């Protein structure tokens, strides 16, 4: 059975259980959905292309006593990460995105609401 807002696969795909599927489904809910990464601390989810987090969607990893516990890593040198306003990242290390991740996180507000990061960090490598 598919849990549309739960990510159970650490690879890149568009079927149920993958990050892209969950982000699309979360965008379609009203209010916007919360996507939960169902992995233990220390896990890495690897994507091959840019990731687009829709307006108002929350992406939850795992926050440990020492910081974020789940890594989202980009395999593509030109992959970017876009938060489209009112989005929240929690418990995540964002790593390896070659596109303008930091600028997008700081500059995109989606009109009405700024993006938020809690217990998360960004690293180019």
PDB file of N, CA and C in Angstrom:
ATOM      1  N   UNK A   1       0.841  -1.179   0.000  1.00  0.00           N
ATOM      2  CA  UNK A   1       0.000   0.000   0.000  1.00  0.00           C
ATOM      3  C   UNK A   1       0.888   1.245   0.000  1.00  0.00           C
ATOM      4  N   UNK A   2       0.501   2.241  -0.750  1.00  0.00           N
ATOM      5  CA  UNK A   2       1.295   3.455  -0.901  1.00  0.00           C
ATOM      6  C   UNK A   2       0.928   4.485   0.159  1.00  0.00           C
ATOM      7  N   UNK A   3       1.941   4.994   0.842  1.00  0.00           N
ATOM      8  CA  UNK A   3       1.783   6.144   1.731  1.00  0.00           C
ATOM      9  C   UNK A   3       2.375   7.324   0.968  1.00  0.00           C
ATOM     10  N   UNK A   4       1.542   8.138   0.333  1.00  0.00           N
ATOM     11  CA  UNK A   4       2.040   9.112  -0.643  1.00  0.00           C
ATOM     12  C   UNK A   4       2.981  10.181  -0.113  1.00  0.00           C
ATOM     13  N   UNK A   5       2.955  10.476   1.182  1.00  0.00           N
ATOM     14  CA  UNK A   5       3.816  11.529   1.717  1.00  0.00           C
ATOM     15  C   UNK A   5       4.976  10.976   2.540  1.00  0.00           C
ATOM     16  N   UNK A   6       5.259   9.688   2.371  1.00  0.00           N
ATOM     17  CA  UNK A   6       6.360   9.051   3.090  1.00  0.00           C
ATOM     18  C   UNK A   6       7.396   8.555   2.078  1.00  0.00           C
ATOM     19  N   UNK A   7       8.649   8.976   2.286  1.00  0.00           N
ATOM     20  CA  UNK A   7       9.733   8.571   1.405  1.00  0.00           C
ATOM     21  C   UNK A   7      10.430   7.370   2.027  1.00  0.00           C
ATOM     22  N   UNK A   8      10.422   6.247   1.298  1.00  0.00           N
ATOM     23  CA  UNK A   8      11.020   5.008   1.790  1.00  0.00           C
ATOM     24  C   UNK A   8      12.181   4.544   0.918  1.00  0.00           C
ATOM     25  N   UNK A   9      12.391   5.196  -0.220  1.00  0.00           N
ATOM     26  CA  UNK A   9      13.434   4.794  -1.167  1.00  0.00           C
ATOM     27  C   UNK A   9      14.570   5.824  -1.162  1.00  0.00           C
ATOM     28  N   UNK A  10      15.814   5.354  -1.096  1.00  0.00           N
ATOM     29  CA  UNK A  10      16.951   6.267  -1.021  1.00  0.00           C
ATOM     30  C   UNK A  10      17.464   6.683  -2.396  1.00  0.00           C
ATOM     31  N   UNK A  11      16.892   6.153  -3.456  1.00  0.00           N
ATOM     32  CA  UNK A  11      17.312   6.521  -4.798  1.00  0.00           C
ATOM     33  C   UNK A  11      16.424   7.608  -5.380  1.00  0.00           C
ATOM     34  N   UNK A  12      16.606   7.846  -6.682  1.00  0.00           N
ATOM     35  CA  UNK A  12      15.864   8.878  -7.388  1.00  0.00           C
ATOM     36  C   UNK A  12      14.834   8.204  -8.294  1.00  0.00           C
ATOM     37  N   UNK A  13      13.573   8.491  -8.077  1.00  0.00           N
ATOM     38  CA  UNK A  13      12.526   7.913  -8.911  1.00  0.00           C
ATOM     39  C   UNK A  13      11.254   8.711  -8.772  1.00  0.00           C
ATOM     40  N   UNK A  14      10.247   8.349  -9.548  1.00  0.00           N
ATOM     41  CA  UNK A  14       8.995   9.111  -9.532  1.00  0.00           C
ATOM     42  C   UNK A  14       7.800   8.287  -9.077  1.00  0.00           C
ATOM     43  N   UNK A  15       8.022   7.063  -8.635  1.00  0.00           N
ATOM     44  CA  UNK A  15       6.935   6.215  -8.151  1.00  0.00           C
ATOM     45  C   UNK A  15       6.722   6.433  -6.652  1.00  0.00           C
ATOM     46  N   UNK A  16       5.664   5.838  -6.128  1.00  0.00           N
ATOM     47  CA  UNK A  16       5.380   5.938  -4.701  1.00  0.00           C
ATOM     48  C   UNK A  16       6.592   5.468  -3.901  1.00  0.00           C
ATOM     49  N   UNK A  17       6.919   6.199  -2.836  1.00  0.00           N
ATOM     50  CA  UNK A  17       8.057   5.871  -1.996  1.00  0.00           C
ATOM     51  C   UNK A  17       9.283   6.719  -2.293  1.00  0.00           C
ATOM     52  N   UNK A  18       9.254   7.430  -3.417  1.00  0.00           N
ATOM     53  CA  UNK A  18      10.387   8.271  -3.800  1.00  0.00           C
ATOM     54  C   UNK A  18      10.092   9.741  -3.485  1.00  0.00           C
ATOM     55  N   UNK A  19      11.163  10.517  -3.291  1.00  0.00           N
ATOM     56  CA  UNK A  19      11.047  11.913  -2.920  1.00  0.00           C
ATOM     57  C   UNK A  19      10.227  12.718  -3.929  1.00  0.00           C
ATOM     58  N   UNK A  20      10.482  12.577  -5.203  1.00  0.00           N
ATOM     59  CA  UNK A  20       9.771  13.371  -6.212  1.00  0.00           C
ATOM     60  C   UNK A  20       8.259  13.108  -6.179  1.00  0.00           C
ATOM     61  N   UNK A  21       7.888  11.861  -6.008  1.00  0.00           N
ATOM     62  CA  UNK A  21       6.467  11.489  -5.915  1.00  0.00           C
ATOM     63  C   UNK A  21       5.829  12.172  -4.703  1.00  0.00           C
ATOM     64  N   UNK A  22       6.506  12.089  -3.569  1.00  0.00           N
ATOM     65  CA  UNK A  22       5.961  12.663  -2.334  1.00  0.00           C
ATOM     66  C   UNK A  22       5.830  14.181  -2.439  1.00  0.00           C
ATOM     67  N   UNK A  23       6.806  14.850  -3.044  1.00  0.00           N
ATOM     68  CA  UNK A  23       6.736  16.309  -3.192  1.00  0.00           C
ATOM     69  C   UNK A  23       5.559  16.721  -4.077  1.00  0.00           C
ATOM     70  N   UNK A  24       5.338  15.970  -5.145  1.00  0.00           N
ATOM     71  CA  UNK A  24       4.200  16.260  -6.029  1.00  0.00           C
ATOM     72  C   UNK A  24       2.882  16.086  -5.285  1.00  0.00           C
ATOM     73  N   UNK A  25       2.757  15.003  -4.521  1.00  0.00           N
ATOM     74  CA  UNK A  25       1.520  14.745  -3.765  1.00  0.00           C
ATOM     75  C   UNK A  25       1.320  15.781  -2.663  1.00  0.00           C
ATOM     76  N   UNK A  26       2.379  16.189  -1.999  1.00  0.00           N
ATOM     77  CA  UNK A  26       2.277  17.173  -0.921  1.00  0.00           C
ATOM     78  C   UNK A  26       1.807  18.514  -1.451  1.00  0.00           C
ATOM     79  N   UNK A  27       2.222  18.844  -2.658  1.00  0.00           N
ATOM     80  CA  UNK A  27       1.822  20.103  -3.278  1.00  0.00           C
ATOM     81  C   UNK A  27       0.328  20.124  -3.593  1.00  0.00           C
ATOM     82  N   UNK A  28      -0.242  18.952  -3.828  1.00  0.00           N
ATOM     83  CA  UNK A  28      -1.648  18.850  -4.221  1.00  0.00           C
ATOM     84  C   UNK A  28      -2.608  18.854  -3.043  1.00  0.00           C
ATOM     85  N   UNK A  29      -2.101  18.744  -1.820  1.00  0.00           N
ATOM     86  CA  UNK A  29      -2.981  18.723  -0.651  1.00  0.00           C
ATOM     87  C   UNK A  29      -3.285  20.139  -0.186  1.00  0.00           C
ATOM     88  N   UNK A  30      -4.379  20.288   0.529  1.00  0.00           N
ATOM     89  CA  UNK A  30      -4.743  21.597   1.078  1.00  0.00           C
ATOM     90  C   UNK A  30      -5.187  21.398   2.524  1.00  0.00           C
ATOM     91  N   UNK A  31      -4.465  21.888   3.540  1.00  0.00           N
ATOM     92  CA  UNK A  31      -3.236  22.665   3.391  1.00  0.00           C
ATOM     93  C   UNK A  31      -2.100  21.807   2.844  1.00  0.00           C
ATOM     94  N   UNK A  32      -1.008  22.454   2.467  1.00  0.00           N
ATOM     95  CA  UNK A  32       0.126  21.750   1.868  1.00  0.00           C
ATOM     96  C   UNK A  32       0.642  20.678   2.808  1.00  0.00           C
ATOM     97  N   UNK A  33       1.149  19.610   2.225  1.00  0.00           N
ATOM     98  CA  UNK A  33       1.523  18.438   2.992  1.00  0.00           C
ATOM     99  C   UNK A  33       2.901  18.480   3.613  1.00  0.00           C
ATOM    100  N   UNK A  34       3.106  17.533   4.507  1.00  0.00           N
ATOM    101  CA  UNK A  34       4.389  17.318   5.164  1.00  0.00           C
ATOM    102  C   UNK A  34       4.942  16.003   4.636  1.00  0.00           C
ATOM    103  N   UNK A  35       6.123  16.054   4.029  1.00  0.00           N
ATOM    104  CA  UNK A  35       6.781  14.864   3.504  1.00  0.00           C
ATOM    105  C   UNK A  35       7.762  14.370   4.558  1.00  0.00           C
ATOM    106  N   UNK A  36       7.620  13.112   4.943  1.00  0.00           N
ATOM    107  CA  UNK A  36       8.493  12.522   5.956  1.00  0.00           C
ATOM    108  C   UNK A  36       9.445  11.516   5.321  1.00  0.00           C
ATOM    109  N   UNK A  37      10.741  11.664   5.631  1.00  0.00           N
ATOM    110  CA  UNK A  37      11.735  10.713   5.162  1.00  0.00           C
ATOM    111  C   UNK A  37      11.837   9.602   6.199  1.00  0.00           C
ATOM    112  N   UNK A  38      11.440   8.406   5.822  1.00  0.00           N
ATOM    113  CA  UNK A  38      11.346   7.282   6.752  1.00  0.00           C
ATOM    114  C   UNK A  38      12.663   6.511   6.814  1.00  0.00           C
ATOM    115  N   UNK A  39      13.728   7.208   7.210  1.00  0.00           N
ATOM    116  CA  UNK A  39      15.045   6.603   7.319  1.00  0.00           C
ATOM    117  C   UNK A  39      15.600   6.876   8.710  1.00  0.00           C
ATOM    118  N   UNK A  40      16.556   6.056   9.122  1.00  0.00           N
ATOM    119  CA  UNK A  40      17.214   6.307  10.393  1.00  0.00           C
ATOM    120  C   UNK A  40      18.331   7.328  10.199  1.00  0.00           C
ATOM    121  N   UNK A  41      18.760   7.938  11.294  1.00  0.00           N
ATOM    122  CA  UNK A  41      19.858   8.903  11.255  1.00  0.00           C
ATOM    123  C   UNK A  41      21.079   8.246  10.617  1.00  0.00           C
ATOM    124  N   UNK A  42      21.774   9.006   9.789  1.00  0.00           N
ATOM    125  CA  UNK A  42      22.942   8.490   9.084  1.00  0.00           C
ATOM    126  C   UNK A  42      22.648   8.054   7.664  1.00  0.00           C
ATOM    127  N   UNK A  43      21.383   8.057   7.272  1.00  0.00           N
ATOM    128  CA  UNK A  43      20.999   7.644   5.927  1.00  0.00           C
ATOM    129  C   UNK A  43      21.220   8.762   4.918  1.00  0.00           C
ATOM    130  N   UNK A  44      21.432   8.371   3.654  1.00  0.00           N
ATOM    131  CA  UNK A  44      21.589   9.328   2.565  1.00  0.00           C
ATOM    132  C   UNK A  44      20.627   8.990   1.446  1.00  0.00           C
ATOM    133  N   UNK A  45      19.915  10.001   0.986  1.00  0.00           N
ATOM    134  CA  UNK A  45      19.034   9.899  -0.175  1.00  0.00           C
ATOM    135  C   UNK A  45      19.763  10.619  -1.309  1.00  0.00           C
ATOM    136  N   UNK A  46      19.978   9.943  -2.444  1.00  0.00           N
ATOM    137  CA  UNK A  46      20.732  10.527  -3.550  1.00  0.00           C
ATOM    138  C   UNK A  46      19.818  10.785  -4.732  1.00  0.00           C
ATOM    139  N   UNK A  47      19.847  12.025  -5.232  1.00  0.00           N
ATOM    140  CA  UNK A  47      19.064  12.394  -6.409  1.00  0.00           C
ATOM    141  C   UNK A  47      20.019  12.724  -7.554  1.00  0.00           C
ATOM    142  N   UNK A  48      19.558  12.521  -8.785  1.00  0.00           N
ATOM    143  CA  UNK A  48      20.429  12.747  -9.933  1.00  0.00           C
ATOM    144  C   UNK A  48      20.154  14.074 -10.632  1.00  0.00           C
ATOM    145  N   UNK A  49      19.008  14.685 -10.356  1.00  0.00           N
ATOM    146  CA  UNK A  49      18.641  15.942 -11.000  1.00  0.00           C
ATOM    147  C   UNK A  49      18.177  16.949  -9.951  1.00  0.00           C
ATOM    148  N   UNK A  50      17.877  18.152 -10.413  1.00  0.00           N
ATOM    149  CA  UNK A  50      17.410  19.206  -9.518  1.00  0.00           C
ATOM    150  C   UNK A  50      16.154  18.789  -8.766  1.00  0.00           C
ATOM    151  N   UNK A  51      16.010  19.329  -7.562  1.00  0.00           N
ATOM    152  CA  UNK A  51      14.842  19.066  -6.722  1.00  0.00           C
ATOM    153  C   UNK A  51      14.092  20.376  -6.509  1.00  0.00           C
ATOM    154  N   UNK A  52      12.791  20.326  -6.673  1.00  0.00           N
ATOM    155  CA  UNK A  52      11.927  21.491  -6.535  1.00  0.00           C
ATOM    156  C   UNK A  52      10.949  21.228  -5.390  1.00  0.00           C
ATOM    157  N   UNK A  53      11.095  21.972  -4.294  1.00  0.00           N
ATOM    158  CA  UNK A  53      10.183  21.820  -3.155  1.00  0.00           C
ATOM    159  C   UNK A  53       9.058  22.846  -3.348  1.00  0.00           C
ATOM    160  N   UNK A  54       7.810  22.384  -3.558  1.00  0.00           N
ATOM    161  CA  UNK A  54       6.698  23.291  -3.850  1.00  0.00           C
ATOM    162  C   UNK A  54       6.385  24.257  -2.707  1.00  0.00           C
ATOM    163  N   UNK A  55       5.682  25.319  -3.044  1.00  0.00           N
ATOM    164  CA  UNK A  55       5.260  26.333  -2.075  1.00  0.00           C
ATOM    165  C   UNK A  55       4.540  25.669  -0.903  1.00  0.00           C
ATOM    166  N   UNK A  56       4.954  26.002   0.325  1.00  0.00           N
ATOM    167  CA  UNK A  56       4.256  25.570   1.523  1.00  0.00           C
ATOM    168  C   UNK A  56       4.511  24.155   1.986  1.00  0.00           C
ATOM    169  N   UNK A  57       5.347  23.397   1.292  1.00  0.00           N
ATOM    170  CA  UNK A  57       5.586  21.999   1.647  1.00  0.00           C
ATOM    171  C   UNK A  57       6.703  21.898   2.678  1.00  0.00           C
ATOM    172  N   UNK A  58       6.541  20.994   3.651  1.00  0.00           N
ATOM    173  CA  UNK A  58       7.553  20.720   4.669  1.00  0.00           C
ATOM    174  C   UNK A  58       8.229  19.394   4.352  1.00  0.00           C
ATOM    175  N   UNK A  59       9.548  19.360   4.462  1.00  0.00           N
ATOM    176  CA  UNK A  59      10.331  18.158   4.224  1.00  0.00           C
ATOM    177  C   UNK A  59      11.052  17.810   5.519  1.00  0.00           C
ATOM    178  N   UNK A  60      10.619  16.722   6.167  1.00  0.00           N
ATOM    179  CA  UNK A  60      11.137  16.321   7.486  1.00  0.00           C
ATOM    180  C   UNK A  60      12.116  15.170   7.378  1.00  0.00           C
ATOM    181  N   UNK A  61      13.326  15.398   7.908  1.00  0.00           N
ATOM    182  CA  UNK A  61      14.297  14.333   8.065  1.00  0.00           C
ATOM    183  C   UNK A  61      14.294  13.890   9.512  1.00  0.00           C
ATOM    184  N   UNK A  62      15.489  13.794  10.097  1.00  0.00           N
ATOM    185  CA  UNK A  62      15.641  13.401  11.495  1.00  0.00           C
ATOM    186  C   UNK A  62      16.591  14.380  12.161  1.00  0.00           C
ATOM    187  N   UNK A  63      16.164  14.975  13.258  1.00  0.00           N
ATOM    188  CA  UNK A  63      17.031  15.852  14.028  1.00  0.00           C
ATOM    189  C   UNK A  63      17.570  15.065  15.221  1.00  0.00           C
ATOM    190  N   UNK A  64      18.886  14.976  15.315  1.00  0.00           N
ATOM    191  CA  UNK A  64      19.522  14.238  16.410  1.00  0.00           C
ATOM    192  C   UNK A  64      20.122  15.243  17.403  1.00  0.00           C
ATOM    193  N   UNK A  65      20.570  14.793  18.561  1.00  0.00           N
ATOM    194  CA  UNK A  65      21.199  15.713  19.512  1.00  0.00           C
ATOM    195  C   UNK A  65      22.438  16.414  18.946  1.00  0.00           C
ATOM    196  N   UNK A  66      23.050  15.837  17.900  1.00  0.00           N
ATOM    197  CA  UNK A  66      24.246  16.439  17.308  1.00  0.00           C
ATOM    198  C   UNK A  66      23.941  17.167  16.001  1.00  0.00           C
ATOM    199  N   UNK A  67      22.675  17.256  15.607  1.00  0.00           N
ATOM    200  CA  UNK A  67      22.322  17.986  14.386  1.00  0.00           C
ATOM    201  C   UNK A  67      21.504  17.146  13.428  1.00  0.00           C
ATOM    202  N   UNK A  68      21.451  17.581  12.165  1.00  0.00           N
ATOM    203  CA  UNK A  68      20.620  16.875  11.187  1.00  0.00           C
ATOM    204  C   UNK A  68      21.120  15.458  10.942  1.00  0.00           C
ATOM    205  N   UNK A  69      20.170  14.522  10.761  1.00  0.00           N
ATOM    206  CA  UNK A  69      20.535  13.114  10.671  1.00  0.00           C
ATOM    207  C   UNK A  69      20.401  12.471   9.311  1.00  0.00           C
ATOM    208  N   UNK A  70      19.734  13.114   8.359  1.00  0.00           N
ATOM    209  CA  UNK A  70      19.543  12.535   7.033  1.00  0.00           C
ATOM    210  C   UNK A  70      20.134  13.484   5.997  1.00  0.00           C
ATOM    211  N   UNK A  71      20.850  12.903   5.027  1.00  0.00           N
ATOM    212  CA  UNK A  71      21.469  13.696   3.974  1.00  0.00           C
ATOM    213  C   UNK A  71      20.714  13.515   2.669  1.00  0.00           C
ATOM    214  N   UNK A  72      20.452  14.633   1.988  1.00  0.00           N
ATOM    215  CA  UNK A  72      19.981  14.587   0.609  1.00  0.00           C
ATOM    216  C   UNK A  72      21.159  15.050  -0.232  1.00  0.00           C
ATOM    217  N   UNK A  73      21.651  14.145  -1.074  1.00  0.00           N
ATOM    218  CA  UNK A  73      22.857  14.401  -1.845  1.00  0.00           C
ATOM    219  C   UNK A  73      22.529  14.400  -3.330  1.00  0.00           C
ATOM    220  N   UNK A  74      23.126  15.331  -4.063  1.00  0.00           N
ATOM    221  CA  UNK A  74      22.921  15.401  -5.511  1.00  0.00           C
ATOM    222  C   UNK A  74      24.093  14.757  -6.227  1.00  0.00           C
ATOM    223  N   UNK A  75      23.782  13.888  -7.174  1.00  0.00           N
ATOM    224  CA  UNK A  75      24.822  13.240  -7.958  1.00  0.00           C
ATOM    225  C   UNK A  75      25.187  14.069  -9.187  1.00  0.00           C
ATOM    226  N   UNK A  76      24.285  14.949  -9.622  1.00  0.00           N
ATOM    227  CA  UNK A  76      24.522  15.740 -10.823  1.00  0.00           C
ATOM    228  C   UNK A  76      25.187  17.067 -10.503  1.00  0.00           C
ATOM    229  N   UNK A  77      26.257  17.398 -11.250  1.00  0.00           N
ATOM    230  CA  UNK A  77      27.018  18.620 -10.982  1.00  0.00           C
ATOM    231  C   UNK A  77      26.180  19.876 -11.196  1.00  0.00           C
ATOM    232  N   UNK A  78      25.172  19.801 -12.058  1.00  0.00           N
ATOM    233  CA  UNK A  78      24.371  20.996 -12.339  1.00  0.00           C
ATOM    234  C   UNK A  78      23.043  21.000 -11.590  1.00  0.00           C
ATOM    235  N   UNK A  79      22.818  19.995 -10.752  1.00  0.00           N
ATOM    236  CA  UNK A  79      21.557  19.905 -10.020  1.00  0.00           C
ATOM    237  C   UNK A  79      21.426  21.057  -9.040  1.00  0.00           C
ATOM    238  N   UNK A  80      20.239  21.626  -8.971  1.00  0.00           N
ATOM    239  CA  UNK A  80      19.963  22.696  -8.027  1.00  0.00           C
ATOM    240  C   UNK A  80      18.850  22.283  -7.084  1.00  0.00           C
ATOM    241  N   UNK A  81      18.704  23.038  -6.026  1.00  0.00           N
ATOM    242  CA  UNK A  81      17.621  22.821  -5.072  1.00  0.00           C
ATOM    243  C   UNK A  81      16.840  24.120  -4.985  1.00  0.00           C
ATOM    244  N   UNK A  82      15.540  24.045  -5.235  1.00  0.00           N
ATOM    245  CA  UNK A  82      14.704  25.235  -5.188  1.00  0.00           C
ATOM    246  C   UNK A  82      13.620  25.059  -4.146  1.00  0.00           C
ATOM    247  N   UNK A  83      13.566  26.010  -3.206  1.00  0.00           N
ATOM    248  CA  UNK A  83      12.460  26.091  -2.258  1.00  0.00           C
ATOM    249  C   UNK A  83      11.596  27.247  -2.734  1.00  0.00           C
ATOM    250  N   UNK A  84      10.335  26.982  -3.020  1.00  0.00           N
ATOM    251  CA  UNK A  84       9.493  27.956  -3.707  1.00  0.00           C
ATOM    252  C   UNK A  84       8.662  28.856  -2.806  1.00  0.00           C
ATOM    253  N   UNK A  85       9.075  29.018  -1.556  1.00  0.00           N
ATOM    254  CA  UNK A  85       8.371  29.927  -0.653  1.00  0.00           C
ATOM    255  C   UNK A  85       7.506  29.187   0.340  1.00  0.00           C
ATOM    256  N   UNK A  86       7.624  29.553   1.598  1.00  0.00           N
ATOM    257  CA  UNK A  86       6.837  28.915   2.643  1.00  0.00           C
ATOM    258  C   UNK A  86       7.194  27.463   2.855  1.00  0.00           C
ATOM    259  N   UNK A  87       8.315  27.026   2.295  1.00  0.00           N
ATOM    260  CA  UNK A  87       8.751  25.638   2.455  1.00  0.00           C
ATOM    261  C   UNK A  87       9.615  25.536   3.711  1.00  0.00           C
ATOM    262  N   UNK A  88       9.621  24.351   4.324  1.00  0.00           N
ATOM    263  CA  UNK A  88      10.418  24.118   5.524  1.00  0.00           C
ATOM    264  C   UNK A  88      11.247  22.862   5.342  1.00  0.00           C
ATOM    265  N   UNK A  89      12.532  22.941   5.695  1.00  0.00           N
ATOM    266  CA  UNK A  89      13.411  21.777   5.752  1.00  0.00           C
ATOM    267  C   UNK A  89      13.772  21.549   7.204  1.00  0.00           C
ATOM    268  N   UNK A  90      13.695  20.305   7.649  1.00  0.00           N
ATOM    269  CA  UNK A  90      14.015  19.986   9.037  1.00  0.00           C
ATOM    270  C   UNK A  90      14.791  18.677   9.111  1.00  0.00           C
ATOM    271  N   UNK A  91      15.882  18.691   9.892  1.00  0.00           N
ATOM    272  CA  UNK A  91      16.649  17.465  10.127  1.00  0.00           C
ATOM    273  C   UNK A  91      17.402  16.962   8.912  1.00  0.00           C
ATOM    274  N   UNK A  92      17.821  17.888   8.021  1.00  0.00           N
ATOM    275  CA  UNK A  92      18.435  17.483   6.758  1.00  0.00           C
ATOM    276  C   UNK A  92      19.791  18.148   6.539  1.00  0.00           C
ATOM    277  N   UNK A  93      20.712  17.387   5.963  1.00  0.00           N
ATOM    278  CA  UNK A  93      21.944  17.931   5.402  1.00  0.00           C
ATOM    279  C   UNK A  93      21.722  17.935   3.892  1.00  0.00           C
ATOM    280  N   UNK A  94      21.854  19.089   3.281  1.00  0.00           N
ATOM    281  CA  UNK A  94      21.715  19.234   1.838  1.00  0.00           C
ATOM    282  C   UNK A  94      23.130  19.339   1.292  1.00  0.00           C
ATOM    283  N   UNK A  95      23.534  18.372   0.433  1.00  0.00           N
ATOM    284  CA  UNK A  95      24.943  18.296   0.039  1.00  0.00           C
ATOM    285  C   UNK A  95      25.095  17.978  -1.450  1.00  0.00           C
ATOM    286  N   UNK A  96      26.086  18.603  -2.069  1.00  0.00           N
ATOM    287  CA  UNK A  96      26.502  18.211  -3.404  1.00  0.00           C
ATOM    288  C   UNK A  96      25.721  18.809  -4.552  1.00  0.00           C
ATOM    289  N   UNK A  97      24.786  19.700  -4.277  1.00  0.00           N
ATOM    290  CA  UNK A  97      24.052  20.331  -5.360  1.00  0.00           C
ATOM    291  C   UNK A  97      24.961  21.376  -5.994  1.00  0.00           C
ATOM    292  N   UNK A  98      25.243  21.229  -7.286  1.00  0.00           N
ATOM    293  CA  UNK A  98      26.145  22.143  -7.969  1.00  0.00           C
ATOM    294  C   UNK A  98      25.483  23.434  -8.401  1.00  0.00           C
ATOM    295  N   UNK A  99      24.149  23.439  -8.426  1.00  0.00           N
ATOM    296  CA  UNK A  99      23.414  24.640  -8.811  1.00  0.00           C
ATOM    297  C   UNK A  99      23.422  25.657  -7.682  1.00  0.00           C
ATOM    298  N   UNK A 100      22.747  26.785  -7.871  1.00  0.00           N
ATOM    299  CA  UNK A 100      22.790  27.895  -6.893  1.00  0.00           C
ATOM    300  C   UNK A 100      21.891  27.669  -5.689  1.00  0.00           C
ATOM    301  N   UNK A 101      22.219  26.663  -4.887  1.00  0.00           N
ATOM    302  CA  UNK A 101      21.395  26.312  -3.742  1.00  0.00           C
ATOM    303  C   UNK A 101      21.286  27.447  -2.726  1.00  0.00           C
ATOM    304  N   UNK A 102      22.389  27.966  -2.276  1.00  0.00           N
ATOM    305  CA  UNK A 102      22.378  28.951  -1.204  1.00  0.00           C
ATOM    306  C   UNK A 102      21.638  30.204  -1.635  1.00  0.00           C
ATOM    307  N   UNK A 103      21.908  30.691  -2.839  1.00  0.00           N
ATOM    308  CA  UNK A 103      21.225  31.890  -3.336  1.00  0.00           C
ATOM    309  C   UNK A 103      19.718  31.667  -3.396  1.00  0.00           C
ATOM    310  N   UNK A 104      19.324  30.492  -3.825  1.00  0.00           N
ATOM    311  CA  UNK A 104      17.896  30.222  -3.918  1.00  0.00           C
ATOM    312  C   UNK A 104      17.261  30.156  -2.538  1.00  0.00           C
ATOM    313  N   UNK A 105      17.939  29.572  -1.588  1.00  0.00           N
ATOM    314  CA  UNK A 105      17.385  29.482  -0.244  1.00  0.00           C
ATOM    315  C   UNK A 105      17.235  30.866   0.372  1.00  0.00           C
ATOM    316  N   UNK A 106      18.165  31.751   0.102  1.00  0.00           N
ATOM    317  CA  UNK A 106      18.121  33.082   0.691  1.00  0.00           C
ATOM    318  C   UNK A 106      17.165  34.011  -0.053  1.00  0.00           C
ATOM    319  N   UNK A 107      17.073  33.862  -1.371  1.00  0.00           N
ATOM    320  CA  UNK A 107      16.375  34.861  -2.169  1.00  0.00           C
ATOM    321  C   UNK A 107      14.914  34.519  -2.466  1.00  0.00           C
ATOM    322  N   UNK A 108      14.585  33.266  -2.610  1.00  0.00           N
ATOM    323  CA  UNK A 108      13.221  32.920  -3.001  1.00  0.00           C
ATOM    324  C   UNK A 108      12.269  33.024  -1.817  1.00  0.00           C
ATOM    325  N   UNK A 109      11.223  33.789  -1.975  1.00  0.00           N
ATOM    326  CA  UNK A 109      10.235  33.896  -0.913  1.00  0.00           C
ATOM    327  C   UNK A 109       8.859  33.466  -1.393  1.00  0.00           C
ATOM    328  N   UNK A 110       8.711  33.190  -2.671  1.00  0.00           N
ATOM    329  CA  UNK A 110       7.432  32.719  -3.170  1.00  0.00           C
ATOM    330  C   UNK A 110       6.321  33.728  -2.975  1.00  0.00           C
ATOM    331  N   UNK A 111       6.672  34.991  -2.813  1.00  0.00           N
ATOM    332  CA  UNK A 111       5.669  36.024  -2.681  1.00  0.00           C
ATOM    333  C   UNK A 111       5.297  36.314  -1.245  1.00  0.00           C
ATOM    334  N   UNK A 112       4.665  35.369  -0.563  1.00  0.00           N
ATOM    335  CA  UNK A 112       4.079  35.667   0.734  1.00  0.00           C
ATOM    336  C   UNK A 112       4.907  35.174   1.919  1.00  0.00           C
ATOM    337  N   UNK A 113       5.701  34.141   1.746  1.00  0.00           N
ATOM    338  CA  UNK A 113       6.336  33.541   2.914  1.00  0.00           C
ATOM    339  C   UNK A 113       7.774  33.136   2.625  1.00  0.00           C
ATOM    340  N   UNK A 114       8.640  33.375   3.578  1.00  0.00           N
ATOM    341  CA  UNK A 114      10.035  32.959   3.445  1.00  0.00           C
ATOM    342  C   UNK A 114      10.150  31.464   3.723  1.00  0.00           C
ATOM    343  N   UNK A 115      11.211  30.871   3.201  1.00  0.00           N
ATOM    344  CA  UNK A 115      11.511  29.479   3.484  1.00  0.00           C
ATOM    345  C   UNK A 115      12.160  29.388   4.864  1.00  0.00           C
ATOM    346  N   UNK A 116      12.069  28.200   5.479  1.00  0.00           N
ATOM    347  CA  UNK A 116      12.638  27.998   6.810  1.00  0.00           C
ATOM    348  C   UNK A 116      13.500  26.743   6.819  1.00  0.00           C
ATOM    349  N   UNK A 117      14.560  26.804   7.615  1.00  0.00           N
ATOM    350  CA  UNK A 117      15.392  25.631   7.850  1.00  0.00           C
ATOM    351  C   UNK A 117      15.561  25.477   9.358  1.00  0.00           C
ATOM    352  N   UNK A 118      15.246  24.287   9.868  1.00  0.00           N
ATOM    353  CA  UNK A 118      15.485  23.995  11.272  1.00  0.00           C
ATOM    354  C   UNK A 118      16.296  22.718  11.344  1.00  0.00           C
ATOM    355  N   UNK A 119      17.294  22.707  12.217  1.00  0.00           N
ATOM    356  CA  UNK A 119      18.148  21.537  12.386  1.00  0.00           C
ATOM    357  C   UNK A 119      18.617  21.015  11.030  1.00  0.00           C
ATOM    358  N   UNK A 120      19.042  21.920  10.157  1.00  0.00           N
ATOM    359  CA  UNK A 120      19.487  21.566   8.811  1.00  0.00           C
ATOM    360  C   UNK A 120      20.723  22.357   8.457  1.00  0.00           C
ATOM    361  N   UNK A 121      21.487  21.850   7.479  1.00  0.00           N
ATOM    362  CA  UNK A 121      22.644  22.592   6.997  1.00  0.00           C
ATOM    363  C   UNK A 121      22.868  22.289   5.529  1.00  0.00           C
ATOM    364  N   UNK A 122      23.600  23.193   4.864  1.00  0.00           N
ATOM    365  CA  UNK A 122      23.887  23.072   3.450  1.00  0.00           C
ATOM    366  C   UNK A 122      25.386  23.011   3.256  1.00  0.00           C
ATOM    367  N   UNK A 123      25.828  22.096   2.399  1.00  0.00           N
ATOM    368  CA  UNK A 123      27.232  21.979   2.060  1.00  0.00           C
ATOM    369  C   UNK A 123      27.349  21.718   0.567  1.00  0.00           C
ATOM    370  N   UNK A 124      28.258  22.404  -0.105  1.00  0.00           N
ATOM    371  CA  UNK A 124      28.454  22.178  -1.543  1.00  0.00           C
ATOM    372  C   UNK A 124      29.110  20.831  -1.806  1.00  0.00           C
ATOM    373  N   UNK A 125      29.828  20.273  -0.822  1.00  0.00           N
ATOM    374  CA  UNK A 125      30.523  19.005  -1.039  1.00  0.00           C
ATOM    375  C   UNK A 125      30.007  17.942  -0.101  1.00  0.00           C
TER     376      UNK A 125
END
